[in-house]
Amino acid sequence: MSTVVETVHDLIVPILDQHHFELVDIEFVKEGSSWYLRVFIDKPNGIDLEDCALVNDALSEKLDSIDPDPIPQAYFLDVSSPGAERPLKKTADFQNALGKYIHISLYQAIDGEKIYQGTLKGLDDDTLTLVIKIKTRQKEITFNRKEIAKARLAIEF
């Protein structure tokens, strides 16, 4: 299904550039018996319902104009904000998250743990450093970026 994501990416980037929106992610997934094409967009002060509707309509029109249909199966199109727990995928996402509380999942456990949450303190091409709380103490842990399966902003309680 990567060709669907690539096609949608090529169609949506000009739409987003025209409105100064950012493409956060594109997913084409099957859940149960239904297919979902999800496009996550953002802008500096946040996305609202009108922004999502505008992009949804423009993307729908472009997809419908392509022959043959790049997505032959029935699907639901969902254009939305990435939400408060926005995924961190690109280097720019991590740079924008410096000083913020994040959640990371690792491919392999370190000291018996695969999930860490803390404040992103440092970042370079190969590593990132989190300040985590262990009871009442703070500890810095540096992770190799290749070890990170998923990362997202998190809400600190």
C-alpha atoms as a PDB file:
ATOM      1  CA  MET A   1       0.000   0.000   0.000  1.00  0.00           C
ATOM      2  CA  SER A   2       3.018   2.306  -0.089  1.00  0.00           C
ATOM      3  CA  THR A   3       2.045   3.361  -3.619  1.00  0.00           C
ATOM      4  CA  VAL A   4      -1.229   4.763  -2.237  1.00  0.00           C
ATOM      5  CA  VAL A   5       0.681   6.756   0.386  1.00  0.00           C
ATOM      6  CA  GLU A   6       3.155   7.995  -2.249  1.00  0.00           C
ATOM      7  CA  THR A   7       0.342   9.007  -4.606  1.00  0.00           C
ATOM      8  CA  VAL A   8      -1.536  10.837  -1.854  1.00  0.00           C
ATOM      9  CA  HIS A   9       1.687  12.516  -0.730  1.00  0.00           C
ATOM     10  CA  ASP A  10       2.319  13.848  -4.246  1.00  0.00           C
ATOM     11  CA  LEU A  11      -1.266  15.113  -4.515  1.00  0.00           C
ATOM     12  CA  ILE A  12      -1.540  16.712  -1.102  1.00  0.00           C
ATOM     13  CA  VAL A  13       1.779  18.569  -0.781  1.00  0.00           C
ATOM     14  CA  PRO A  14       0.789  21.331  -3.257  1.00  0.00           C
ATOM     15  CA  ILE A  15      -2.564  21.754  -1.473  1.00  0.00           C
ATOM     16  CA  LEU A  16      -0.865  22.077   1.913  1.00  0.00           C
ATOM     17  CA  ASP A  17       1.851  24.400   0.579  1.00  0.00           C
ATOM     18  CA  GLN A  18      -0.827  26.701  -0.856  1.00  0.00           C
ATOM     19  CA  HIS A  19      -2.394  27.078   2.604  1.00  0.00           C
ATOM     20  CA  HIS A  20       0.860  27.008   4.617  1.00  0.00           C
ATOM     21  CA  PHE A  21      -0.079  23.760   6.342  1.00  0.00           C
ATOM     22  CA  GLU A  22       2.347  21.014   7.338  1.00  0.00           C
ATOM     23  CA  LEU A  23       1.982  17.359   6.407  1.00  0.00           C
ATOM     24  CA  VAL A  24       2.508  15.322   9.572  1.00  0.00           C
ATOM     25  CA  ASP A  25       1.688  11.821   8.342  1.00  0.00           C
ATOM     26  CA  ILE A  26      -0.304   9.711   5.888  1.00  0.00           C
ATOM     27  CA  GLU A  27      -1.690   6.254   6.702  1.00  0.00           C
ATOM     28  CA  PHE A  28      -3.570   3.804   4.517  1.00  0.00           C
ATOM     29  CA  VAL A  29      -4.714   0.999   6.781  1.00  0.00           C
ATOM     30  CA  LYS A  30      -7.305  -1.728   6.979  1.00  0.00           C
ATOM     31  CA  GLU A  31      -9.244  -1.935  10.216  1.00  0.00           C
ATOM     32  CA  GLY A  32     -11.747  -4.755  10.338  1.00  0.00           C
ATOM     33  CA  SER A  33     -13.333  -4.909   6.912  1.00  0.00           C
ATOM     34  CA  SER A  34     -12.845  -1.194   6.133  1.00  0.00           C
ATOM     35  CA  TRP A  35      -9.945   0.752   4.624  1.00  0.00           C
ATOM     36  CA  TYR A  36      -8.974   4.175   5.990  1.00  0.00           C
ATOM     37  CA  LEU A  37      -6.885   6.857   4.320  1.00  0.00           C
ATOM     38  CA  ARG A  38      -5.803   9.169   7.132  1.00  0.00           C
ATOM     39  CA  VAL A  39      -3.981  12.415   6.518  1.00  0.00           C
ATOM     40  CA  PHE A  40      -2.671  14.346   9.514  1.00  0.00           C
ATOM     41  CA  ILE A  41      -1.985  18.055   9.017  1.00  0.00           C
ATOM     42  CA  ASP A  42      -0.908  20.923  11.240  1.00  0.00           C
ATOM     43  CA  LYS A  43       0.021  24.601  11.281  1.00  0.00           C
ATOM     44  CA  PRO A  44       1.737  26.783  13.899  1.00  0.00           C
ATOM     45  CA  ASN A  45      -1.434  27.776  15.777  1.00  0.00           C
ATOM     46  CA  GLY A  46      -3.163  24.435  15.269  1.00  0.00           C
ATOM     47  CA  ILE A  47      -5.626  23.054  12.754  1.00  0.00           C
ATOM     48  CA  ASP A  48      -9.371  23.595  13.025  1.00  0.00           C
ATOM     49  CA  LEU A  49     -12.363  21.827  11.481  1.00  0.00           C
ATOM     50  CA  GLU A  50     -12.560  24.278   8.564  1.00  0.00           C
ATOM     51  CA  ASP A  51      -8.904  23.606   7.683  1.00  0.00           C
ATOM     52  CA  CYS A  52      -9.539  19.860   7.690  1.00  0.00           C
ATOM     53  CA  ALA A  53     -12.659  20.230   5.538  1.00  0.00           C
ATOM     54  CA  LEU A  54     -10.801  22.429   3.039  1.00  0.00           C
ATOM     55  CA  VAL A  55      -7.984  19.894   2.628  1.00  0.00           C
ATOM     56  CA  ASN A  56     -10.418  16.957   2.589  1.00  0.00           C
ATOM     57  CA  ASP A  57     -12.452  18.513  -0.236  1.00  0.00           C
ATOM     58  CA  ALA A  58      -9.388  19.469  -2.300  1.00  0.00           C
ATOM     59  CA  LEU A  59      -7.768  16.038  -1.885  1.00  0.00           C
ATOM     60  CA  SER A  60     -11.042  14.219  -2.667  1.00  0.00           C
ATOM     61  CA  GLU A  61     -11.414  16.216  -5.865  1.00  0.00           C
ATOM     62  CA  LYS A  62      -7.857  15.400  -6.976  1.00  0.00           C
ATOM     63  CA  LEU A  63      -8.220  11.696  -6.144  1.00  0.00           C
ATOM     64  CA  ASP A  64     -11.547  11.497  -8.005  1.00  0.00           C
ATOM     65  CA  SER A  65     -10.027  13.099 -11.125  1.00  0.00           C
ATOM     66  CA  ILE A  66      -7.362  10.403 -11.607  1.00  0.00           C
ATOM     67  CA  ASP A  67      -8.091   7.638 -14.101  1.00  0.00           C
ATOM     68  CA  PRO A  68      -7.504   4.814 -13.385  1.00  0.00           C
ATOM     69  CA  ASP A  69      -8.439   5.212  -9.747  1.00  0.00           C
ATOM     70  CA  PRO A  70      -5.256   5.042  -7.622  1.00  0.00           C
ATOM     71  CA  ILE A  71      -7.275   3.502  -4.763  1.00  0.00           C
ATOM     72  CA  PRO A  72      -9.580   0.888  -6.311  1.00  0.00           C
ATOM     73  CA  GLN A  73     -11.074  -0.380  -3.050  1.00  0.00           C
ATOM     74  CA  ALA A  74     -13.664   1.574  -1.036  1.00  0.00           C
ATOM     75  CA  TYR A  75     -12.127   3.631   1.780  1.00  0.00           C
ATOM     76  CA  PHE A  76     -12.879   6.378   4.278  1.00  0.00           C
ATOM     77  CA  LEU A  77     -10.901   9.612   3.931  1.00  0.00           C
ATOM     78  CA  ASP A  78     -10.042  11.248   7.247  1.00  0.00           C
ATOM     79  CA  VAL A  79      -8.129  14.549   7.333  1.00  0.00           C
ATOM     80  CA  SER A  80      -7.370  15.649  10.876  1.00  0.00           C
ATOM     81  CA  SER A  81      -4.995  17.210  13.346  1.00  0.00           C
ATOM     82  CA  PRO A  82      -2.307  14.939  14.807  1.00  0.00           C
ATOM     83  CA  GLY A  83      -3.672  15.835  18.248  1.00  0.00           C
ATOM     84  CA  ALA A  84      -1.939  16.622  21.513  1.00  0.00           C
ATOM     85  CA  GLU A  85       0.115  13.435  21.287  1.00  0.00           C
ATOM     86  CA  ARG A  86       1.496  14.210  17.859  1.00  0.00           C
ATOM     87  CA  PRO A  87       3.853  11.574  16.412  1.00  0.00           C
ATOM     88  CA  LEU A  88       7.510  12.524  16.050  1.00  0.00           C
ATOM     89  CA  LYS A  89       8.919  11.129  12.824  1.00  0.00           C
ATOM     90  CA  LYS A  90      11.047  13.698  11.033  1.00  0.00           C
ATOM     91  CA  THR A  91      14.128  15.426  12.422  1.00  0.00           C
ATOM     92  CA  ALA A  92      12.193  18.710  12.424  1.00  0.00           C
ATOM     93  CA  ASP A  93       9.512  17.072  14.635  1.00  0.00           C
ATOM     94  CA  PHE A  94      12.154  16.143  17.203  1.00  0.00           C
ATOM     95  CA  GLN A  95      13.759  19.602  17.021  1.00  0.00           C
ATOM     96  CA  ASN A  96      10.364  21.225  17.664  1.00  0.00           C
ATOM     97  CA  ALA A  97       9.883  18.877  20.638  1.00  0.00           C
ATOM     98  CA  LEU A  98      13.087  19.941  22.435  1.00  0.00           C
ATOM     99  CA  GLY A  99      12.156  20.840  26.006  1.00  0.00           C
ATOM    100  CA  LYS A 100       8.815  19.030  25.737  1.00  0.00           C
ATOM    101  CA  TYR A 101       7.567  15.847  27.402  1.00  0.00           C
ATOM    102  CA  ILE A 102       7.645  12.890  25.001  1.00  0.00           C
ATOM    103  CA  HIS A 103       6.952   9.145  24.908  1.00  0.00           C
ATOM    104  CA  ILE A 104       9.246   6.714  23.100  1.00  0.00           C
ATOM    105  CA  SER A 105       8.928   3.005  22.370  1.00  0.00           C
ATOM    106  CA  LEU A 106      12.050   0.999  21.642  1.00  0.00           C
ATOM    107  CA  TYR A 107      12.588  -1.985  19.373  1.00  0.00           C
ATOM    108  CA  GLN A 108      14.601  -3.759  22.094  1.00  0.00           C
ATOM    109  CA  ALA A 109      14.327  -3.341  25.861  1.00  0.00           C
ATOM    110  CA  ILE A 110      17.025  -1.434  27.738  1.00  0.00           C
ATOM    111  CA  ASP A 111      17.323  -2.418  31.405  1.00  0.00           C
ATOM    112  CA  GLY A 112      14.098  -4.397  30.983  1.00  0.00           C
ATOM    113  CA  GLU A 113      12.091  -1.408  29.645  1.00  0.00           C
ATOM    114  CA  LYS A 114      10.852  -0.729  26.121  1.00  0.00           C
ATOM    115  CA  ILE A 115       8.828   2.416  26.940  1.00  0.00           C
ATOM    116  CA  TYR A 116      10.203   5.674  28.308  1.00  0.00           C
ATOM    117  CA  GLN A 117       8.659   9.077  28.950  1.00  0.00           C
ATOM    118  CA  GLY A 118      10.516  12.224  29.800  1.00  0.00           C
ATOM    119  CA  THR A 119      11.554  15.677  28.707  1.00  0.00           C
ATOM    120  CA  LEU A 120      13.555  15.791  25.483  1.00  0.00           C
ATOM    121  CA  LYS A 121      16.752  17.522  26.539  1.00  0.00           C
ATOM    122  CA  GLY A 122      19.150  16.887  23.671  1.00  0.00           C
ATOM    123  CA  LEU A 123      19.192  15.758  20.088  1.00  0.00           C
ATOM    124  CA  ASP A 124      21.750  15.137  17.366  1.00  0.00           C
ATOM    125  CA  ASP A 125      21.839  13.064  14.186  1.00  0.00           C
ATOM    126  CA  ASP A 126      22.393   9.777  16.026  1.00  0.00           C
ATOM    127  CA  THR A 127      21.038  10.163  19.576  1.00  0.00           C
ATOM    128  CA  LEU A 128      18.453  11.822  21.751  1.00  0.00           C
ATOM    129  CA  THR A 129      18.583  12.485  25.470  1.00  0.00           C
ATOM    130  CA  LEU A 130      15.598  12.292  27.800  1.00  0.00           C
ATOM    131  CA  VAL A 131      15.348  13.503  31.366  1.00  0.00           C
ATOM    132  CA  ILE A 132      13.148  10.941  33.119  1.00  0.00           C
ATOM    133  CA  LYS A 133      11.800  10.833  36.653  1.00  0.00           C
ATOM    134  CA  ILE A 134      12.430   7.808  38.830  1.00  0.00           C
ATOM    135  CA  LYS A 135      10.387   8.385  41.968  1.00  0.00           C
ATOM    136  CA  THR A 136      11.750  11.740  43.199  1.00  0.00           C
ATOM    137  CA  ARG A 137      15.012  11.797  41.235  1.00  0.00           C
ATOM    138  CA  GLN A 138      15.757  12.847  37.691  1.00  0.00           C
ATOM    139  CA  LYS A 139      18.006  10.860  35.413  1.00  0.00           C
ATOM    140  CA  GLU A 140      19.318  11.542  31.918  1.00  0.00           C
ATOM    141  CA  ILE A 141      19.255   8.664  29.453  1.00  0.00           C
ATOM    142  CA  THR A 142      20.648   8.846  25.927  1.00  0.00           C
ATOM    143  CA  PHE A 143      19.121   6.646  23.237  1.00  0.00           C
ATOM    144  CA  ASN A 144      20.431   5.774  19.812  1.00  0.00           C
ATOM    145  CA  ARG A 145      17.794   7.067  17.379  1.00  0.00           C
ATOM    146  CA  LYS A 146      17.944   3.763  15.456  1.00  0.00           C
ATOM    147  CA  GLU A 147      16.655   1.997  18.607  1.00  0.00           C
ATOM    148  CA  ILE A 148      13.442   4.048  18.653  1.00  0.00           C
ATOM    149  CA  ALA A 149      10.431   2.318  17.108  1.00  0.00           C
ATOM    150  CA  LYS A 150       7.940   5.147  17.760  1.00  0.00           C
ATOM    151  CA  ALA A 151       8.007   8.553  19.358  1.00  0.00           C
ATOM    152  CA  ARG A 152       5.266  11.081  20.124  1.00  0.00           C
ATOM    153  CA  LEU A 153       4.524  14.063  22.268  1.00  0.00           C
ATOM    154  CA  ALA A 154       3.002  13.050  25.593  1.00  0.00           C
ATOM    155  CA  ILE A 155       0.867  14.691  28.240  1.00  0.00           C
ATOM    156  CA  GLU A 156       2.600  14.860  31.616  1.00  0.00           C
ATOM    157  CA  PHE A 157       0.425  14.164  34.646  1.00  0.00           C
END
